[in-house]
Amino acid sequence: MSGGRDIKRRIKSVKSTQQITKAMKMVSAAKLRRTQGAVLATRPYTEKLEEILERIIASSGGVKNSLMVERPIKSVGIILISADRGLAGGYNANVIKKCLVAASEFEEQKVEFIAVGRKGRDALRHVNKDISDEFLGIKDIPTFVEAQNISNLVVEGFTKGTYDEVYLIYQEFISPIQQQPVMKKLLPISFEMKEHDETEYIYEPSSQEVLSILLPKYINNTVFHTLMETKASEHGARMAAMSAATDNAKDMIDKLTLSYNRSRQAAITSEISEIVGGANALQG
């Protein structure tokens, strides 16, 4: 029965793993509920802020700001947002692949990376990419201060000319089981002008002043909303991965149990045959 004992040890080991994956699934599901609510809460504010900025620019004859100035592209900053931990299926691998492919398209420009998350940072280091800054340990529900630290850094780099363009690469939250890696231009700020009602607004002290106040808020809010999206995506991906791992563990336990029962049955049958054979020999 040495084979049976080995199978029992494997069953015990797989059951322990199943308990861990099931617990991780439940934790991720709880975190996802909180983060998903925060994502949905920030979307209306983001959309309204964009609408207000579009109105100001359109009604003031295309007023400009230093954060909207387009110049020859010599240096590009890419903010790669990934997770600090793994066990989330293809969450990290997909966004890192998106980042490396996007960076390869800038053949004549200098590209610097700002790594948000340990997995992305480690991957960029592995391929010897230039990482100018890193932000690790972002909370499960990101705070506005964390987003502000990132946005202040890139705004300063853009205004000083360190970066001529800045991009965000992250996992967009579509549903608890679906995420999509996307690349979004952060700086210089530009909008696709949409048609709005013809209501006229009076801005005090001036549209230029209002714009200079709102644009930094827009950058901060965009980064904050992006962090929310990525965290919701991470929790959803990890929940799905742990759910699949739990199901796989159950299937493996069922197969091992069946194998153990067959092995035990074969051993019992063999023992019975030996007893019967011995009894027949004695009678003969």
C-alpha atoms as a PDB file:
ATOM      1  CA  MET A   1       0.000   0.000   0.000  1.00  0.00           C
ATOM      2  CA  SER A   2       2.996   2.315  -0.367  1.00  0.00           C
ATOM      3  CA  GLY A   3       1.371   3.686  -3.526  1.00  0.00           C
ATOM      4  CA  GLY A   4      -1.860   4.313  -1.611  1.00  0.00           C
ATOM      5  CA  ARG A   5       0.018   6.195   1.120  1.00  0.00           C
ATOM      6  CA  ASP A   6       1.684   8.394  -1.503  1.00  0.00           C
ATOM      7  CA  ILE A   7      -1.693   9.196  -3.046  1.00  0.00           C
ATOM      8  CA  LYS A   8      -3.145  10.052   0.384  1.00  0.00           C
ATOM      9  CA  ARG A   9      -0.234  12.444   1.008  1.00  0.00           C
ATOM     10  CA  ARG A  10      -0.878  14.103  -2.353  1.00  0.00           C
ATOM     11  CA  ILE A  11      -4.597  14.434  -1.585  1.00  0.00           C
ATOM     12  CA  LYS A  12      -3.767  16.073   1.746  1.00  0.00           C
ATOM     13  CA  SER A  13      -1.318  18.460   0.057  1.00  0.00           C
ATOM     14  CA  VAL A  14      -3.810  19.442  -2.657  1.00  0.00           C
ATOM     15  CA  LYS A  15      -6.549  20.001  -0.047  1.00  0.00           C
ATOM     16  CA  SER A  16      -4.239  22.378   1.832  1.00  0.00           C
ATOM     17  CA  THR A  17      -3.564  24.273  -1.387  1.00  0.00           C
ATOM     18  CA  GLN A  18      -7.299  24.364  -2.126  1.00  0.00           C
ATOM     19  CA  GLN A  19      -7.995  25.955   1.261  1.00  0.00           C
ATOM     20  CA  ILE A  20      -5.426  28.671   0.544  1.00  0.00           C
ATOM     21  CA  THR A  21      -6.729  29.460  -2.953  1.00  0.00           C
ATOM     22  CA  LYS A  22     -10.330  29.515  -1.678  1.00  0.00           C
ATOM     23  CA  ALA A  23      -9.388  31.960   1.077  1.00  0.00           C
ATOM     24  CA  MET A  24      -7.516  34.169  -1.397  1.00  0.00           C
ATOM     25  CA  LYS A  25     -10.538  34.130  -3.705  1.00  0.00           C
ATOM     26  CA  MET A  26     -12.810  35.315  -0.890  1.00  0.00           C
ATOM     27  CA  VAL A  27     -10.387  38.062   0.153  1.00  0.00           C
ATOM     28  CA  SER A  28     -10.041  39.298  -3.438  1.00  0.00           C
ATOM     29  CA  ALA A  29     -13.821  39.266  -3.876  1.00  0.00           C
ATOM     30  CA  ALA A  30     -14.259  41.427  -0.771  1.00  0.00           C
ATOM     31  CA  LYS A  31     -11.578  43.883  -1.939  1.00  0.00           C
ATOM     32  CA  LEU A  32     -13.123  43.963  -5.416  1.00  0.00           C
ATOM     33  CA  ARG A  33     -16.535  44.972  -4.049  1.00  0.00           C
ATOM     34  CA  ARG A  34     -15.032  47.959  -2.231  1.00  0.00           C
ATOM     35  CA  THR A  35     -12.780  49.032  -5.096  1.00  0.00           C
ATOM     36  CA  GLN A  36     -15.424  48.553  -7.766  1.00  0.00           C
ATOM     37  CA  GLY A  37     -17.726  50.855  -5.835  1.00  0.00           C
ATOM     38  CA  ALA A  38     -14.982  53.475  -5.650  1.00  0.00           C
ATOM     39  CA  VAL A  39     -14.334  53.188  -9.406  1.00  0.00           C
ATOM     40  CA  LEU A  40     -17.984  53.710 -10.245  1.00  0.00           C
ATOM     41  CA  ALA A  41     -18.118  56.662  -7.840  1.00  0.00           C
ATOM     42  CA  THR A  42     -15.179  58.470  -9.483  1.00  0.00           C
ATOM     43  CA  ARG A  43     -16.350  58.078 -13.091  1.00  0.00           C
ATOM     44  CA  PRO A  44     -19.090  60.766 -13.038  1.00  0.00           C
ATOM     45  CA  TYR A  45     -16.676  63.334 -11.577  1.00  0.00           C
ATOM     46  CA  THR A  46     -14.070  62.512 -14.216  1.00  0.00           C
ATOM     47  CA  GLU A  47     -16.590  62.809 -17.041  1.00  0.00           C
ATOM     48  CA  LYS A  48     -17.980  66.117 -15.734  1.00  0.00           C
ATOM     49  CA  LEU A  49     -14.524  67.604 -15.280  1.00  0.00           C
ATOM     50  CA  GLU A  50     -13.626  66.727 -18.863  1.00  0.00           C
ATOM     51  CA  GLU A  51     -16.874  68.302 -20.068  1.00  0.00           C
ATOM     52  CA  ILE A  52     -16.166  71.547 -18.179  1.00  0.00           C
ATOM     53  CA  LEU A  53     -12.626  71.758 -19.598  1.00  0.00           C
ATOM     54  CA  GLU A  54     -13.926  71.155 -23.126  1.00  0.00           C
ATOM     55  CA  ARG A  55     -16.467  73.959 -22.658  1.00  0.00           C
ATOM     56  CA  ILE A  56     -13.834  76.395 -21.400  1.00  0.00           C
ATOM     57  CA  ILE A  57     -11.466  75.689 -24.280  1.00  0.00           C
ATOM     58  CA  ALA A  58     -14.226  75.830 -26.895  1.00  0.00           C
ATOM     59  CA  SER A  59     -15.923  78.980 -25.564  1.00  0.00           C
ATOM     60  CA  SER A  60     -12.663  80.916 -25.148  1.00  0.00           C
ATOM     61  CA  GLY A  61     -11.414  80.390 -28.670  1.00  0.00           C
ATOM     62  CA  GLY A  62      -9.013  77.559 -27.891  1.00  0.00           C
ATOM     63  CA  VAL A  63      -7.249  79.052 -24.856  1.00  0.00           C
ATOM     64  CA  LYS A  64      -3.993  77.265 -24.062  1.00  0.00           C
ATOM     65  CA  ASN A  65      -2.062  76.319 -20.954  1.00  0.00           C
ATOM     66  CA  SER A  66       1.515  75.168 -20.355  1.00  0.00           C
ATOM     67  CA  LEU A  67       0.186  71.628 -19.749  1.00  0.00           C
ATOM     68  CA  MET A  68      -1.372  71.652 -23.223  1.00  0.00           C
ATOM     69  CA  VAL A  69       1.670  72.785 -25.203  1.00  0.00           C
ATOM     70  CA  GLU A  70       2.758  70.327 -27.866  1.00  0.00           C
ATOM     71  CA  ARG A  71       6.433  70.357 -28.826  1.00  0.00           C
ATOM     72  CA  PRO A  72       8.835  68.170 -30.819  1.00  0.00           C
ATOM     73  CA  ILE A  73       9.002  64.764 -29.153  1.00  0.00           C
ATOM     74  CA  LYS A  74      12.519  64.018 -27.953  1.00  0.00           C
ATOM     75  CA  SER A  75      11.785  62.337 -24.632  1.00  0.00           C
ATOM     76  CA  VAL A  76       8.817  60.228 -23.547  1.00  0.00           C
ATOM     77  CA  GLY A  77       7.731  59.216 -20.051  1.00  0.00           C
ATOM     78  CA  ILE A  78       5.722  56.018 -19.612  1.00  0.00           C
ATOM     79  CA  ILE A  79       3.914  55.291 -16.345  1.00  0.00           C
ATOM     80  CA  LEU A  80       3.547  51.514 -16.079  1.00  0.00           C
ATOM     81  CA  ILE A  81       0.981  50.504 -13.459  1.00  0.00           C
ATOM     82  CA  SER A  82       1.132  46.876 -12.327  1.00  0.00           C
ATOM     83  CA  ALA A  83       0.601  44.901  -9.122  1.00  0.00           C
ATOM     84  CA  ASP A  84       2.996  44.348  -6.252  1.00  0.00           C
ATOM     85  CA  ARG A  85       2.053  40.665  -6.084  1.00  0.00           C
ATOM     86  CA  GLY A  86       1.388  37.844  -8.525  1.00  0.00           C
ATOM     87  CA  LEU A  87      -1.168  35.007  -8.471  1.00  0.00           C
ATOM     88  CA  ALA A  88      -3.481  37.100 -10.666  1.00  0.00           C
ATOM     89  CA  GLY A  89      -3.492  35.136 -13.901  1.00  0.00           C
ATOM     90  CA  GLY A  90      -2.253  37.158 -16.876  1.00  0.00           C
ATOM     91  CA  TYR A  91      -2.903  40.526 -15.213  1.00  0.00           C
ATOM     92  CA  ASN A  92       0.728  41.593 -14.853  1.00  0.00           C
ATOM     93  CA  ALA A  93       2.077  39.818 -17.945  1.00  0.00           C
ATOM     94  CA  ASN A  94      -0.474  41.462 -20.256  1.00  0.00           C
ATOM     95  CA  VAL A  95       0.115  45.026 -19.092  1.00  0.00           C
ATOM     96  CA  ILE A  96       3.910  44.583 -19.115  1.00  0.00           C
ATOM     97  CA  LYS A  97       3.758  43.212 -22.661  1.00  0.00           C
ATOM     98  CA  LYS A  98       1.613  46.192 -23.695  1.00  0.00           C
ATOM     99  CA  CYS A  99       4.188  48.548 -22.187  1.00  0.00           C
ATOM    100  CA  LEU A 100       7.211  46.972 -23.888  1.00  0.00           C
ATOM    101  CA  VAL A 101       5.491  46.882 -27.272  1.00  0.00           C
ATOM    102  CA  ALA A 102       4.423  50.524 -26.929  1.00  0.00           C
ATOM    103  CA  ALA A 103       7.913  51.600 -25.870  1.00  0.00           C
ATOM    104  CA  SER A 104       9.487  49.857 -28.872  1.00  0.00           C
ATOM    105  CA  GLU A 105       7.487  52.121 -31.195  1.00  0.00           C
ATOM    106  CA  PHE A 106       9.438  55.172 -29.998  1.00  0.00           C
ATOM    107  CA  GLU A 107      12.542  54.443 -32.049  1.00  0.00           C
ATOM    108  CA  GLU A 108      14.071  57.938 -32.150  1.00  0.00           C
ATOM    109  CA  GLN A 109      12.932  59.216 -28.761  1.00  0.00           C
ATOM    110  CA  LYS A 110      14.430  58.664 -25.345  1.00  0.00           C
ATOM    111  CA  VAL A 111      12.012  56.648 -23.216  1.00  0.00           C
ATOM    112  CA  GLU A 112      11.993  56.720 -19.413  1.00  0.00           C
ATOM    113  CA  PHE A 113       9.727  54.606 -17.246  1.00  0.00           C
ATOM    114  CA  ILE A 114       7.943  55.368 -14.012  1.00  0.00           C
ATOM    115  CA  ALA A 115       7.086  52.025 -12.402  1.00  0.00           C
ATOM    116  CA  VAL A 116       4.007  51.841 -10.203  1.00  0.00           C
ATOM    117  CA  GLY A 117       3.993  48.342  -8.727  1.00  0.00           C
ATOM    118  CA  ARG A 118       6.745  45.839  -7.959  1.00  0.00           C
ATOM    119  CA  LYS A 119       5.964  43.359 -10.764  1.00  0.00           C
ATOM    120  CA  GLY A 120       6.279  45.987 -13.483  1.00  0.00           C
ATOM    121  CA  ARG A 121       9.443  47.397 -11.967  1.00  0.00           C
ATOM    122  CA  ASP A 122      11.084  43.980 -11.778  1.00  0.00           C
ATOM    123  CA  ALA A 123      10.136  43.211 -15.393  1.00  0.00           C
ATOM    124  CA  LEU A 124      11.573  46.523 -16.621  1.00  0.00           C
ATOM    125  CA  ARG A 125      14.768  45.912 -14.673  1.00  0.00           C
ATOM    126  CA  HIS A 126      15.029  42.453 -16.191  1.00  0.00           C
ATOM    127  CA  VAL A 127      15.155  43.906 -19.714  1.00  0.00           C
ATOM    128  CA  ASN A 128      17.440  46.796 -18.649  1.00  0.00           C
ATOM    129  CA  LYS A 129      14.961  49.633 -19.165  1.00  0.00           C
ATOM    130  CA  ASP A 130      15.607  53.123 -17.798  1.00  0.00           C
ATOM    131  CA  ILE A 131      13.451  53.534 -14.668  1.00  0.00           C
ATOM    132  CA  SER A 132      13.503  57.126 -13.430  1.00  0.00           C
ATOM    133  CA  ASP A 133      11.151  56.637 -10.448  1.00  0.00           C
ATOM    134  CA  GLU A 134       9.122  53.920  -8.765  1.00  0.00           C
ATOM    135  CA  PHE A 135       6.058  53.807  -6.524  1.00  0.00           C
ATOM    136  CA  LEU A 136       5.492  50.593  -4.583  1.00  0.00           C
ATOM    137  CA  GLY A 137       2.915  49.501  -2.049  1.00  0.00           C
ATOM    138  CA  ILE A 138      -0.114  51.327  -3.463  1.00  0.00           C
ATOM    139  CA  LYS A 139      -3.061  50.608  -1.146  1.00  0.00           C
ATOM    140  CA  ASP A 140      -5.844  48.191  -2.124  1.00  0.00           C
ATOM    141  CA  ILE A 141      -8.098  51.255  -2.287  1.00  0.00           C
ATOM    142  CA  PRO A 142      -5.699  53.958  -3.562  1.00  0.00           C
ATOM    143  CA  THR A 143      -5.676  57.335  -1.838  1.00  0.00           C
ATOM    144  CA  PHE A 144      -5.709  60.689  -3.593  1.00  0.00           C
ATOM    145  CA  VAL A 145      -2.334  61.505  -2.009  1.00  0.00           C
ATOM    146  CA  GLU A 146      -0.750  58.491  -3.728  1.00  0.00           C
ATOM    147  CA  ALA A 147      -2.115  59.670  -7.066  1.00  0.00           C
ATOM    148  CA  GLN A 148      -0.999  63.233  -6.377  1.00  0.00           C
ATOM    149  CA  ASN A 149       2.583  62.120  -5.727  1.00  0.00           C
ATOM    150  CA  ILE A 150       2.700  60.474  -9.146  1.00  0.00           C
ATOM    151  CA  SER A 151       0.976  63.318 -11.007  1.00  0.00           C
ATOM    152  CA  ASN A 152       3.136  66.003  -9.376  1.00  0.00           C
ATOM    153  CA  LEU A 153       6.239  64.139 -10.494  1.00  0.00           C
ATOM    154  CA  VAL A 154       5.208  63.901 -14.155  1.00  0.00           C
ATOM    155  CA  VAL A 155       3.825  67.454 -14.285  1.00  0.00           C
ATOM    156  CA  GLU A 156       7.147  68.761 -12.983  1.00  0.00           C
ATOM    157  CA  GLY A 157       9.008  66.622 -15.527  1.00  0.00           C
ATOM    158  CA  PHE A 158       6.787  67.901 -18.353  1.00  0.00           C
ATOM    159  CA  THR A 159       7.043  71.582 -17.436  1.00  0.00           C
ATOM    160  CA  LYS A 160      10.839  71.323 -17.056  1.00  0.00           C
ATOM    161  CA  GLY A 161      11.159  69.609 -20.428  1.00  0.00           C
ATOM    162  CA  THR A 162      12.297  66.253 -19.061  1.00  0.00           C
ATOM    163  CA  TYR A 163       9.346  64.692 -20.892  1.00  0.00           C
ATOM    164  CA  ASP A 164       7.719  65.968 -24.064  1.00  0.00           C
ATOM    165  CA  GLU A 165       4.950  63.402 -23.738  1.00  0.00           C
ATOM    166  CA  VAL A 166       3.706  61.268 -20.852  1.00  0.00           C
ATOM    167  CA  TYR A 167       1.611  58.104 -21.199  1.00  0.00           C
ATOM    168  CA  LEU A 168      -0.257  55.878 -18.753  1.00  0.00           C
ATOM    169  CA  ILE A 169      -0.285  52.112 -19.373  1.00  0.00           C
ATOM    170  CA  TYR A 170      -2.628  50.176 -17.138  1.00  0.00           C
ATOM    171  CA  GLN A 171      -5.367  47.546 -16.956  1.00  0.00           C
ATOM    172  CA  GLU A 172      -8.785  49.066 -17.569  1.00  0.00           C
ATOM    173  CA  PHE A 173     -11.572  47.546 -15.482  1.00  0.00           C
ATOM    174  CA  ILE A 174     -14.396  46.246 -17.687  1.00  0.00           C
ATOM    175  CA  SER A 175     -15.967  43.632 -15.433  1.00  0.00           C
ATOM    176  CA  PRO A 176     -14.878  41.462 -12.474  1.00  0.00           C
ATOM    177  CA  ILE A 177     -13.631  38.819 -14.924  1.00  0.00           C
ATOM    178  CA  GLN A 178     -12.495  41.055 -17.793  1.00  0.00           C
ATOM    179  CA  GLN A 179      -9.666  43.575 -17.916  1.00  0.00           C
ATOM    180  CA  GLN A 180      -8.040  45.268 -20.870  1.00  0.00           C
ATOM    181  CA  PRO A 181      -4.519  46.736 -21.058  1.00  0.00           C
ATOM    182  CA  VAL A 182      -4.707  50.272 -22.444  1.00  0.00           C
ATOM    183  CA  MET A 183      -2.342  53.134 -23.196  1.00  0.00           C
ATOM    184  CA  LYS A 184      -3.593  56.647 -22.471  1.00  0.00           C
ATOM    185  CA  LYS A 185      -1.891  59.950 -23.211  1.00  0.00           C
ATOM    186  CA  LEU A 186      -1.624  62.042 -20.050  1.00  0.00           C
ATOM    187  CA  LEU A 187       0.514  64.992 -21.170  1.00  0.00           C
ATOM    188  CA  PRO A 188       0.246  67.272 -23.048  1.00  0.00           C
ATOM    189  CA  ILE A 189      -3.467  67.482 -22.285  1.00  0.00           C
ATOM    190  CA  SER A 190      -5.732  67.401 -25.303  1.00  0.00           C
ATOM    191  CA  PHE A 191      -9.450  66.870 -25.781  1.00  0.00           C
ATOM    192  CA  GLU A 192     -11.620  65.693 -28.620  1.00  0.00           C
ATOM    193  CA  MET A 193     -14.137  68.495 -28.805  1.00  0.00           C
ATOM    194  CA  LYS A 194     -17.697  67.213 -28.528  1.00  0.00           C
ATOM    195  CA  GLU A 195     -20.896  69.056 -29.279  1.00  0.00           C
ATOM    196  CA  HIS A 196     -22.484  70.655 -26.206  1.00  0.00           C
ATOM    197  CA  ASP A 197     -25.510  72.872 -25.752  1.00  0.00           C
ATOM    198  CA  GLU A 198     -24.991  76.525 -26.668  1.00  0.00           C
ATOM    199  CA  THR A 199     -25.294  77.829 -23.122  1.00  0.00           C
ATOM    200  CA  GLU A 200     -22.758  80.593 -22.496  1.00  0.00           C
ATOM    201  CA  TYR A 201     -20.779  80.723 -19.280  1.00  0.00           C
ATOM    202  CA  ILE A 202     -19.003  83.613 -17.613  1.00  0.00           C
ATOM    203  CA  TYR A 203     -15.740  82.656 -15.928  1.00  0.00           C
ATOM    204  CA  GLU A 204     -14.300  84.646 -13.036  1.00  0.00           C
ATOM    205  CA  PRO A 205     -11.626  85.915 -12.922  1.00  0.00           C
ATOM    206  CA  SER A 206     -11.053  84.608 -16.482  1.00  0.00           C
ATOM    207  CA  SER A 207     -11.223  81.428 -18.493  1.00  0.00           C
ATOM    208  CA  GLN A 208      -7.415  81.304 -18.503  1.00  0.00           C
ATOM    209  CA  GLU A 209      -7.271  81.444 -14.701  1.00  0.00           C
ATOM    210  CA  VAL A 210      -9.998  78.833 -14.306  1.00  0.00           C
ATOM    211  CA  LEU A 211      -8.177  76.593 -16.763  1.00  0.00           C
ATOM    212  CA  SER A 212      -4.888  76.950 -14.874  1.00  0.00           C
ATOM    213  CA  ILE A 213      -6.685  75.781 -11.704  1.00  0.00           C
ATOM    214  CA  LEU A 214      -8.650  72.919 -13.244  1.00  0.00           C
ATOM    215  CA  LEU A 215      -5.941  71.324 -15.416  1.00  0.00           C
ATOM    216  CA  PRO A 216      -3.707  70.224 -12.500  1.00  0.00           C
ATOM    217  CA  LYS A 217      -6.852  68.875 -10.820  1.00  0.00           C
ATOM    218  CA  TYR A 218      -7.651  67.026 -14.034  1.00  0.00           C
ATOM    219  CA  ILE A 219      -4.192  65.405 -14.073  1.00  0.00           C
ATOM    220  CA  ASN A 220      -4.488  64.412 -10.400  1.00  0.00           C
ATOM    221  CA  ASN A 221      -7.968  63.009 -10.923  1.00  0.00           C
ATOM    222  CA  THR A 222      -6.948  61.099 -14.073  1.00  0.00           C
ATOM    223  CA  VAL A 223      -4.083  59.372 -12.253  1.00  0.00           C
ATOM    224  CA  PHE A 224      -6.314  58.703  -9.227  1.00  0.00           C
ATOM    225  CA  HIS A 225      -9.061  57.201 -11.389  1.00  0.00           C
ATOM    226  CA  THR A 226      -6.468  55.101 -13.244  1.00  0.00           C
ATOM    227  CA  LEU A 227      -5.124  53.694  -9.963  1.00  0.00           C
ATOM    228  CA  MET A 228      -8.680  52.804  -8.993  1.00  0.00           C
ATOM    229  CA  GLU A 229      -9.229  51.060 -12.334  1.00  0.00           C
ATOM    230  CA  THR A 230      -6.030  49.050 -11.998  1.00  0.00           C
ATOM    231  CA  LYS A 231      -6.744  47.955  -8.437  1.00  0.00           C
ATOM    232  CA  ALA A 232     -10.246  46.830  -9.360  1.00  0.00           C
ATOM    233  CA  SER A 233      -8.752  44.958 -12.324  1.00  0.00           C
ATOM    234  CA  GLU A 234      -6.114  43.353 -10.106  1.00  0.00           C
ATOM    235  CA  HIS A 235      -8.634  42.148  -7.525  1.00  0.00           C
ATOM    236  CA  GLY A 236     -10.920  40.839 -10.265  1.00  0.00           C
ATOM    237  CA  ALA A 237      -8.072  39.021 -12.011  1.00  0.00           C
ATOM    238  CA  ARG A 238      -6.826  37.488  -8.758  1.00  0.00           C
ATOM    239  CA  MET A 239     -10.357  36.419  -7.772  1.00  0.00           C
ATOM    240  CA  ALA A 240     -10.814  34.717 -11.149  1.00  0.00           C
ATOM    241  CA  ALA A 241      -7.384  33.069 -10.978  1.00  0.00           C
ATOM    242  CA  MET A 242      -7.955  31.761  -7.441  1.00  0.00           C
ATOM    243  CA  SER A 243     -11.434  30.546  -8.398  1.00  0.00           C
ATOM    244  CA  ALA A 244      -9.948  28.583 -11.298  1.00  0.00           C
ATOM    245  CA  ALA A 245      -7.187  27.238  -9.042  1.00  0.00           C
ATOM    246  CA  THR A 246      -9.764  26.128  -6.454  1.00  0.00           C
ATOM    247  CA  ASP A 247     -11.805  24.338  -9.122  1.00  0.00           C
ATOM    248  CA  ASN A 248      -8.682  22.675 -10.516  1.00  0.00           C
ATOM    249  CA  ALA A 249      -7.721  21.524  -7.029  1.00  0.00           C
ATOM    250  CA  LYS A 250     -11.187  19.974  -6.596  1.00  0.00           C
ATOM    251  CA  ASP A 251     -10.839  18.125  -9.916  1.00  0.00           C
ATOM    252  CA  MET A 252      -7.386  16.899  -8.896  1.00  0.00           C
ATOM    253  CA  ILE A 253      -8.667  15.718  -5.507  1.00  0.00           C
ATOM    254  CA  ASP A 254     -11.496  13.810  -7.224  1.00  0.00           C
ATOM    255  CA  LYS A 255      -9.037  12.113  -9.598  1.00  0.00           C
ATOM    256  CA  LEU A 256      -6.600  11.283  -6.800  1.00  0.00           C
ATOM    257  CA  THR A 257      -9.415   9.922  -4.627  1.00  0.00           C
ATOM    258  CA  LEU A 258     -10.570   7.709  -7.474  1.00  0.00           C
ATOM    259  CA  SER A 259      -6.991   6.559  -8.033  1.00  0.00           C
ATOM    260  CA  TYR A 260      -6.601   5.872  -4.281  1.00  0.00           C
ATOM    261  CA  ASN A 261      -9.826   3.839  -4.158  1.00  0.00           C
ATOM    262  CA  ARG A 262      -8.712   1.793  -7.153  1.00  0.00           C
ATOM    263  CA  SER A 263      -5.321   1.199  -5.579  1.00  0.00           C
ATOM    264  CA  ARG A 264      -6.943   0.198  -2.284  1.00  0.00           C
ATOM    265  CA  GLN A 265      -9.409  -2.060  -4.071  1.00  0.00           C
ATOM    266  CA  ALA A 266      -6.593  -3.721  -5.998  1.00  0.00           C
ATOM    267  CA  ALA A 267      -4.652  -4.292  -2.782  1.00  0.00           C
ATOM    268  CA  ILE A 268      -7.691  -5.819  -1.049  1.00  0.00           C
ATOM    269  CA  THR A 269      -8.428  -8.027  -4.061  1.00  0.00           C
ATOM    270  CA  SER A 270      -4.795  -9.178  -4.076  1.00  0.00           C
ATOM    271  CA  GLU A 271      -4.922 -10.022  -0.363  1.00  0.00           C
ATOM    272  CA  ILE A 272      -8.190 -11.938  -0.800  1.00  0.00           C
ATOM    273  CA  SER A 273      -6.669 -13.882  -3.689  1.00  0.00           C
ATOM    274  CA  GLU A 274      -3.667 -14.790  -1.570  1.00  0.00           C
ATOM    275  CA  ILE A 275      -5.911 -15.956   1.296  1.00  0.00           C
ATOM    276  CA  VAL A 276      -8.052 -18.013  -1.026  1.00  0.00           C
ATOM    277  CA  GLY A 277      -4.969 -19.453  -2.713  1.00  0.00           C
ATOM    278  CA  GLY A 278      -3.471 -20.362   0.683  1.00  0.00           C
ATOM    279  CA  ALA A 279      -6.704 -21.980   1.829  1.00  0.00           C
ATOM    280  CA  ASN A 280      -6.929 -24.037  -1.352  1.00  0.00           C
ATOM    281  CA  ALA A 281      -3.337 -25.149  -0.912  1.00  0.00           C
ATOM    282  CA  LEU A 282      -4.035 -26.302   2.632  1.00  0.00           C
ATOM    283  CA  GLN A 283      -7.122 -28.221   1.527  1.00  0.00           C
ATOM    284  CA  GLY A 284      -5.122 -29.848  -1.257  1.00  0.00           C
END
